[in-house]
Amino acid sequence: MSARGRRSRRNGLCDGYHSSTGISETHGNRQRELPGAHGDALRALEERDARKAQIVELRFFGGLTLEEIAEVLGVAPITVSREWAKARAWLHREVAGARRT
């Protein structure tokens, strides 16, 4: 596990972490705790593309590296890198659009 992942566990951001899978038991509930536009945007992303939402949750809440996420999901690291970039851009547009309204 990376230093970032260990720090997340130490700070309670990844309670119930399973080192064998790299998945937190609580990561799926975290998006409901995000305030306002951020939570709405992550829920909308999950409806649109569940894998991108899962990557965001594992990266943001689980503190996993892109390589660790690739291992958990069983895909190539470059795939995770591309989807992470697309998810970040999509979330940014959604949150920025919500702030304007």
Protein backbone atom coordinates (compact mmCIF):
# COMPACT_ATOMS: atom_id res chain seq x y z
CA MET A 1 0.00 0.00 0.00
CA SER A 2 1.22 3.51 -0.77
CA ALA A 3 2.02 6.16 1.82
CA ARG A 4 -1.09 7.98 0.67
CA GLY A 5 -3.22 4.90 1.34
CA ARG A 6 -1.65 4.40 4.77
CA ARG A 7 -2.27 8.07 5.58
CA SER A 8 -5.92 7.72 4.53
CA ARG A 9 -6.33 4.69 6.76
CA ARG A 10 -4.64 6.45 9.67
CA ASN A 11 -6.93 9.47 9.26
CA GLY A 12 -10.04 7.29 9.21
CA LEU A 13 -10.83 7.97 5.57
CA CYS A 14 -10.72 4.33 4.66
CA ASP A 15 -12.27 2.47 7.59
CA GLY A 16 -12.80 -1.20 6.83
CA TYR A 17 -10.00 -1.32 4.26
CA HIS A 18 -9.29 -4.74 2.82
CA SER A 19 -5.63 -4.99 1.90
CA SER A 20 -6.28 -8.07 -0.23
CA THR A 21 -8.66 -6.21 -2.54
CA GLY A 22 -7.73 -2.61 -1.86
CA ILE A 23 -11.40 -1.75 -1.41
CA SER A 24 -12.87 0.00 1.56
CA GLU A 25 -16.15 -1.27 2.96
CA THR A 26 -17.28 2.31 3.45
CA HIS A 27 -16.13 3.93 0.20
CA GLY A 28 -19.52 3.46 -1.41
CA ASN A 29 -21.24 5.45 1.33
CA ARG A 30 -18.80 8.36 1.21
CA GLN A 31 -20.37 9.99 -1.83
CA ARG A 32 -23.59 10.51 0.10
CA GLU A 33 -21.60 12.47 2.67
CA LEU A 34 -20.19 14.94 0.15
CA PRO A 35 -21.86 18.32 0.39
CA GLY A 36 -24.06 19.86 -2.27
CA ALA A 37 -22.77 19.99 -5.81
CA HIS A 38 -19.87 17.61 -5.18
CA GLY A 39 -22.11 14.80 -3.93
CA ASP A 40 -24.62 15.45 -6.70
CA ALA A 41 -21.88 15.36 -9.33
CA LEU A 42 -20.43 12.09 -8.03
CA ARG A 43 -23.88 10.47 -7.95
CA ALA A 44 -24.51 11.67 -11.52
CA LEU A 45 -21.15 10.25 -12.61
CA GLU A 46 -22.03 6.92 -11.00
CA GLU A 47 -25.27 6.79 -13.02
CA ARG A 48 -23.40 7.73 -16.19
CA ASP A 49 -20.28 5.57 -15.75
CA ALA A 50 -20.00 3.38 -12.67
CA ARG A 51 -16.34 2.47 -13.26
CA LYS A 52 -15.24 6.11 -13.44
CA ALA A 53 -17.14 6.80 -10.22
CA GLN A 54 -15.47 3.82 -8.58
CA ILE A 55 -12.05 5.11 -9.66
CA VAL A 56 -12.82 8.51 -8.14
CA GLU A 57 -13.96 6.90 -4.89
CA LEU A 58 -10.93 4.61 -4.63
CA ARG A 59 -8.55 7.47 -5.43
CA PHE A 60 -10.19 10.18 -3.34
CA PHE A 61 -11.57 8.26 -0.37
CA GLY A 62 -9.38 5.17 -0.44
CA GLY A 63 -6.15 7.00 -1.16
CA LEU A 64 -5.08 4.35 -3.65
CA THR A 65 -2.59 5.05 -6.42
CA LEU A 66 -3.62 4.60 -10.03
CA GLU A 67 -1.56 1.41 -10.17
CA GLU A 68 -3.33 0.04 -7.07
CA ILE A 69 -6.72 0.90 -8.55
CA ALA A 70 -5.77 -0.87 -11.78
CA GLU A 71 -4.90 -3.97 -9.79
CA VAL A 72 -8.18 -3.86 -7.85
CA LEU A 73 -10.25 -3.40 -11.02
CA GLY A 74 -8.23 -5.82 -13.11
CA VAL A 75 -7.46 -3.34 -15.87
CA ALA A 76 -4.28 -1.75 -17.21
CA PRO A 77 -2.89 1.27 -15.33
CA ILE A 78 -3.13 3.38 -18.50
CA THR A 79 -6.87 2.66 -18.62
CA VAL A 80 -7.27 3.88 -15.05
CA SER A 81 -5.15 6.95 -15.82
CA ARG A 82 -7.33 7.86 -18.82
CA GLU A 83 -10.59 7.27 -16.97
CA TRP A 84 -9.34 9.20 -13.92
CA ALA A 85 -8.53 12.20 -16.15
CA LYS A 86 -11.92 12.02 -17.89
CA ALA A 87 -13.77 11.65 -14.58
CA ARG A 88 -11.95 14.64 -13.06
CA ALA A 89 -12.77 16.80 -16.09
CA TRP A 90 -16.40 15.70 -16.09
CA LEU A 91 -16.77 16.33 -12.34
CA HIS A 92 -15.13 19.74 -12.68
CA ARG A 93 -17.60 20.76 -15.40
CA GLU A 94 -20.54 19.49 -13.35
CA VAL A 95 -19.50 21.29 -10.17
CA ALA A 96 -18.58 24.50 -12.01
CA GLY A 97 -21.94 24.44 -13.79
CA ALA A 98 -23.80 23.93 -10.52
CA ARG A 99 -22.02 26.89 -8.94
CA ARG A 100 -23.10 29.19 -11.77
CA THR A 101 -26.76 28.40 -11.27
